[in-house]
Amino acid sequence: MNIADFLIQTLNSVQYGLLLFMLAAGLTLIFGIMGVVNLAHGSFYMLGAYLAYSLSSMLGSFTLAILAGVVLSVLFGLVLERVLFRFFYQRDHLDQVLMTFGLIYIFEELRSILWGDDVHGVPIPPLLTGSIPLTDTLSYPIYRLFMAG
């Protein structure tokens, strides 16, 4: 492995680590502030991503699709909080774990039914195409920097 490959893999690892950090930080905040063990936290991110995927072709705008996906998944989360989570605030953490683990299964099955099991992608918008030069012969994609947040 040469140094250029090592540098690109390091940047990819940092980008992926930052993405996982955002998920973990949300999980930690929910548990720390509300005392709720929500293992289905990542499923809400997944819902937002799939909604953004579906809306990107309908709206024709990558940015609007992301914003709409976030808003719709937050609204869905608020509905679930009123209908389901509220009854588990004063219960044991084991009850919360079992309920949210069941939600993971429900989310995953609904995802499989609605969007299938194939890998889906959204075309990279023109604003995020291209790359940033790191050296004379090495560059890093702008969309990966966007994903790092």
C-alpha atoms as a PDB file:
ATOM      1  CA  MET A   1       0.000   0.000   0.000  1.00  0.00           C
ATOM      2  CA  ASN A   2       1.410   3.373  -0.943  1.00  0.00           C
ATOM      3  CA  ILE A   3       1.045   6.579   1.054  1.00  0.00           C
ATOM      4  CA  ALA A   4      -1.664   7.996  -1.251  1.00  0.00           C
ATOM      5  CA  ASP A   5      -3.929   4.980  -0.709  1.00  0.00           C
ATOM      6  CA  PHE A   6      -3.277   5.188   3.018  1.00  0.00           C
ATOM      7  CA  LEU A   7      -4.223   8.885   3.076  1.00  0.00           C
ATOM      8  CA  ILE A   8      -7.480   8.299   1.168  1.00  0.00           C
ATOM      9  CA  GLN A   9      -8.428   5.372   3.417  1.00  0.00           C
ATOM     10  CA  THR A  10      -7.657   7.494   6.472  1.00  0.00           C
ATOM     11  CA  LEU A  11      -9.913  10.295   5.209  1.00  0.00           C
ATOM     12  CA  ASN A  12     -12.658   7.776   4.392  1.00  0.00           C
ATOM     13  CA  SER A  13     -12.336   6.328   7.903  1.00  0.00           C
ATOM     14  CA  VAL A  14     -12.585   9.774   9.495  1.00  0.00           C
ATOM     15  CA  GLN A  15     -15.654  10.573   7.376  1.00  0.00           C
ATOM     16  CA  TYR A  16     -17.340   7.293   8.354  1.00  0.00           C
ATOM     17  CA  GLY A  17     -16.353   7.772  11.988  1.00  0.00           C
ATOM     18  CA  LEU A  18     -17.939  11.235  12.027  1.00  0.00           C
ATOM     19  CA  LEU A  19     -21.130   9.777  10.578  1.00  0.00           C
ATOM     20  CA  LEU A  20     -21.219   7.133  13.322  1.00  0.00           C
ATOM     21  CA  PHE A  21     -20.440   9.804  15.909  1.00  0.00           C
ATOM     22  CA  MET A  22     -23.525  11.785  14.860  1.00  0.00           C
ATOM     23  CA  LEU A  23     -25.674   8.688  15.367  1.00  0.00           C
ATOM     24  CA  ALA A  24     -24.066   7.859  18.710  1.00  0.00           C
ATOM     25  CA  ALA A  25     -24.301  11.453  19.961  1.00  0.00           C
ATOM     26  CA  GLY A  26     -28.044  11.484  19.324  1.00  0.00           C
ATOM     27  CA  LEU A  27     -28.466   8.185  21.151  1.00  0.00           C
ATOM     28  CA  THR A  28     -26.421   9.485  24.088  1.00  0.00           C
ATOM     29  CA  LEU A  29     -28.372  12.748  24.266  1.00  0.00           C
ATOM     30  CA  ILE A  30     -31.711  10.946  24.315  1.00  0.00           C
ATOM     31  CA  PHE A  31     -30.582   8.590  27.054  1.00  0.00           C
ATOM     32  CA  GLY A  32     -28.799  11.290  29.053  1.00  0.00           C
ATOM     33  CA  ILE A  33     -31.546  13.903  28.945  1.00  0.00           C
ATOM     34  CA  MET A  34     -34.697  11.781  28.869  1.00  0.00           C
ATOM     35  CA  GLY A  35     -33.446   8.553  30.444  1.00  0.00           C
ATOM     36  CA  VAL A  36     -34.934   6.513  27.597  1.00  0.00           C
ATOM     37  CA  VAL A  37     -33.005   3.657  26.022  1.00  0.00           C
ATOM     38  CA  ASN A  38     -33.980   4.027  22.372  1.00  0.00           C
ATOM     39  CA  LEU A  39     -32.247   1.325  20.363  1.00  0.00           C
ATOM     40  CA  ALA A  40     -34.429   2.253  17.370  1.00  0.00           C
ATOM     41  CA  HIS A  41     -32.666   5.625  17.152  1.00  0.00           C
ATOM     42  CA  GLY A  42     -30.810   4.599  13.992  1.00  0.00           C
ATOM     43  CA  SER A  43     -34.065   3.483  12.405  1.00  0.00           C
ATOM     44  CA  PHE A  44     -35.300   7.072  12.434  1.00  0.00           C
ATOM     45  CA  TYR A  45     -32.158   8.082  10.534  1.00  0.00           C
ATOM     46  CA  MET A  46     -32.851   5.250   8.099  1.00  0.00           C
ATOM     47  CA  LEU A  47     -36.435   6.431   7.650  1.00  0.00           C
ATOM     48  CA  GLY A  48     -35.255   9.964   6.913  1.00  0.00           C
ATOM     49  CA  ALA A  49     -32.723   8.683   4.377  1.00  0.00           C
ATOM     50  CA  TYR A  50     -35.255   6.525   2.533  1.00  0.00           C
ATOM     51  CA  LEU A  51     -37.808   9.334   2.549  1.00  0.00           C
ATOM     52  CA  ALA A  52     -35.181  11.686   1.107  1.00  0.00           C
ATOM     53  CA  TYR A  53     -34.366   9.052  -1.514  1.00  0.00           C
ATOM     54  CA  SER A  54     -38.028   8.768  -2.527  1.00  0.00           C
ATOM     55  CA  LEU A  55     -38.642  12.506  -2.459  1.00  0.00           C
ATOM     56  CA  SER A  56     -35.532  13.370  -4.476  1.00  0.00           C
ATOM     57  CA  SER A  57     -37.090  12.073  -7.678  1.00  0.00           C
ATOM     58  CA  MET A  58     -40.509  13.551  -6.862  1.00  0.00           C
ATOM     59  CA  LEU A  59     -39.248  17.010  -5.890  1.00  0.00           C
ATOM     60  CA  GLY A  60     -36.348  17.114  -8.318  1.00  0.00           C
ATOM     61  CA  SER A  61     -34.138  18.770  -5.713  1.00  0.00           C
ATOM     62  CA  PHE A  62     -31.538  17.033  -3.571  1.00  0.00           C
ATOM     63  CA  THR A  63     -31.596  19.772  -0.924  1.00  0.00           C
ATOM     64  CA  LEU A  64     -35.386  19.890  -0.660  1.00  0.00           C
ATOM     65  CA  ALA A  65     -35.508  16.097  -0.460  1.00  0.00           C
ATOM     66  CA  ILE A  66     -33.046  16.059   2.443  1.00  0.00           C
ATOM     67  CA  LEU A  67     -34.944  18.782   4.287  1.00  0.00           C
ATOM     68  CA  ALA A  68     -38.293  17.079   3.675  1.00  0.00           C
ATOM     69  CA  GLY A  69     -36.868  13.718   4.770  1.00  0.00           C
ATOM     70  CA  VAL A  70     -35.622  15.251   8.021  1.00  0.00           C
ATOM     71  CA  VAL A  71     -38.915  17.043   8.695  1.00  0.00           C
ATOM     72  CA  LEU A  72     -41.037  13.971   7.938  1.00  0.00           C
ATOM     73  CA  SER A  73     -38.913  11.635  10.064  1.00  0.00           C
ATOM     74  CA  VAL A  74     -39.018  14.134  12.957  1.00  0.00           C
ATOM     75  CA  LEU A  75     -42.809  14.357  12.643  1.00  0.00           C
ATOM     76  CA  PHE A  76     -43.027  10.561  12.609  1.00  0.00           C
ATOM     77  CA  GLY A  77     -40.833  10.484  15.712  1.00  0.00           C
ATOM     78  CA  LEU A  78     -43.119  12.972  17.448  1.00  0.00           C
ATOM     79  CA  VAL A  79     -46.141  10.826  16.639  1.00  0.00           C
ATOM     80  CA  LEU A  80     -44.397   7.720  17.994  1.00  0.00           C
ATOM     81  CA  GLU A  81     -43.430   9.648  21.128  1.00  0.00           C
ATOM     82  CA  ARG A  82     -47.070  10.568  21.761  1.00  0.00           C
ATOM     83  CA  VAL A  83     -48.450   7.138  20.899  1.00  0.00           C
ATOM     84  CA  LEU A  84     -45.771   4.776  22.212  1.00  0.00           C
ATOM     85  CA  PHE A  85     -42.694   6.172  23.955  1.00  0.00           C
ATOM     86  CA  ARG A  86     -44.619   8.268  26.475  1.00  0.00           C
ATOM     87  CA  PHE A  87     -45.906   5.138  28.187  1.00  0.00           C
ATOM     88  CA  PHE A  88     -42.380   3.825  28.737  1.00  0.00           C
ATOM     89  CA  TYR A  89     -40.759   6.844  30.450  1.00  0.00           C
ATOM     90  CA  GLN A  90     -41.410   5.605  33.978  1.00  0.00           C
ATOM     91  CA  ARG A  91     -40.897   1.943  33.180  1.00  0.00           C
ATOM     92  CA  ASP A  92     -37.802  -0.164  33.604  1.00  0.00           C
ATOM     93  CA  HIS A  93     -34.977   0.172  31.073  1.00  0.00           C
ATOM     94  CA  LEU A  94     -35.500  -3.455  30.048  1.00  0.00           C
ATOM     95  CA  ASP A  95     -39.050  -2.632  28.946  1.00  0.00           C
ATOM     96  CA  GLN A  96     -37.700   0.292  26.912  1.00  0.00           C
ATOM     97  CA  VAL A  97     -35.048  -1.913  25.297  1.00  0.00           C
ATOM     98  CA  LEU A  98     -37.605  -4.557  24.350  1.00  0.00           C
ATOM     99  CA  MET A  99     -40.032  -1.988  22.934  1.00  0.00           C
ATOM    100  CA  THR A 100     -37.399  -0.178  20.886  1.00  0.00           C
ATOM    101  CA  PHE A 101     -35.857  -3.433  19.709  1.00  0.00           C
ATOM    102  CA  GLY A 102     -39.305  -4.429  18.472  1.00  0.00           C
ATOM    103  CA  LEU A 103     -39.495  -1.083  16.670  1.00  0.00           C
ATOM    104  CA  ILE A 104     -36.234  -1.924  14.904  1.00  0.00           C
ATOM    105  CA  TYR A 105     -37.829  -5.084  13.515  1.00  0.00           C
ATOM    106  CA  ILE A 106     -40.936  -3.171  12.443  1.00  0.00           C
ATOM    107  CA  PHE A 107     -38.889  -0.424  10.754  1.00  0.00           C
ATOM    108  CA  GLU A 108     -36.711  -2.981   8.994  1.00  0.00           C
ATOM    109  CA  GLU A 109     -39.660  -4.987   7.701  1.00  0.00           C
ATOM    110  CA  LEU A 110     -41.486  -1.869   6.508  1.00  0.00           C
ATOM    111  CA  ARG A 111     -38.314  -0.733   4.748  1.00  0.00           C
ATOM    112  CA  SER A 112     -38.074  -4.091   3.023  1.00  0.00           C
ATOM    113  CA  ILE A 113     -41.725  -3.963   1.950  1.00  0.00           C
ATOM    114  CA  LEU A 114     -41.745  -0.321   0.811  1.00  0.00           C
ATOM    115  CA  TRP A 115     -38.288   0.062  -0.746  1.00  0.00           C
ATOM    116  CA  GLY A 116     -37.103  -3.505  -1.264  1.00  0.00           C
ATOM    117  CA  ASP A 117     -33.776  -5.055  -0.386  1.00  0.00           C
ATOM    118  CA  ASP A 118     -31.720  -3.584  -3.218  1.00  0.00           C
ATOM    119  CA  VAL A 119     -29.154  -0.848  -2.710  1.00  0.00           C
ATOM    120  CA  HIS A 120     -30.525   2.577  -3.646  1.00  0.00           C
ATOM    121  CA  GLY A 121     -28.667   5.726  -4.512  1.00  0.00           C
ATOM    122  CA  VAL A 122     -29.301   9.328  -5.346  1.00  0.00           C
ATOM    123  CA  PRO A 123     -27.345  11.079  -8.094  1.00  0.00           C
ATOM    124  CA  ILE A 124     -24.773  13.446  -6.671  1.00  0.00           C
ATOM    125  CA  PRO A 125     -26.007  17.024  -7.149  1.00  0.00           C
ATOM    126  CA  PRO A 126     -23.821  19.383  -9.194  1.00  0.00           C
ATOM    127  CA  LEU A 127     -22.839  21.350  -6.087  1.00  0.00           C
ATOM    128  CA  LEU A 128     -21.222  18.247  -4.572  1.00  0.00           C
ATOM    129  CA  THR A 129     -19.535  16.884  -7.684  1.00  0.00           C
ATOM    130  CA  GLY A 130     -15.848  17.289  -8.164  1.00  0.00           C
ATOM    131  CA  SER A 131     -13.021  16.910  -5.730  1.00  0.00           C
ATOM    132  CA  ILE A 132     -10.557  18.897  -3.680  1.00  0.00           C
ATOM    133  CA  PRO A 133      -6.897  18.447  -4.596  1.00  0.00           C
ATOM    134  CA  LEU A 134      -4.779  17.149  -1.726  1.00  0.00           C
ATOM    135  CA  THR A 135      -1.527  16.826  -3.654  1.00  0.00           C
ATOM    136  CA  ASP A 136      -0.509  17.099  -7.292  1.00  0.00           C
ATOM    137  CA  THR A 137      -1.874  13.626  -8.041  1.00  0.00           C
ATOM    138  CA  LEU A 138      -4.361  13.067  -5.213  1.00  0.00           C
ATOM    139  CA  SER A 139      -7.841  14.494  -4.646  1.00  0.00           C
ATOM    140  CA  TYR A 140     -10.765  13.852  -2.298  1.00  0.00           C
ATOM    141  CA  PRO A 141     -14.466  13.934  -3.352  1.00  0.00           C
ATOM    142  CA  ILE A 142     -16.488  16.921  -2.158  1.00  0.00           C
ATOM    143  CA  TYR A 143     -19.546  14.749  -1.427  1.00  0.00           C
ATOM    144  CA  ARG A 144     -17.525  12.818   1.171  1.00  0.00           C
ATOM    145  CA  LEU A 145     -16.696  16.075   2.943  1.00  0.00           C
ATOM    146  CA  PHE A 146     -20.411  16.915   2.840  1.00  0.00           C
ATOM    147  CA  MET A 147     -21.209  13.539   4.416  1.00  0.00           C
ATOM    148  CA  ALA A 148     -18.710  14.249   7.197  1.00  0.00           C
ATOM    149  CA  GLY A 149     -21.021  17.051   8.103  1.00  0.00           C
END
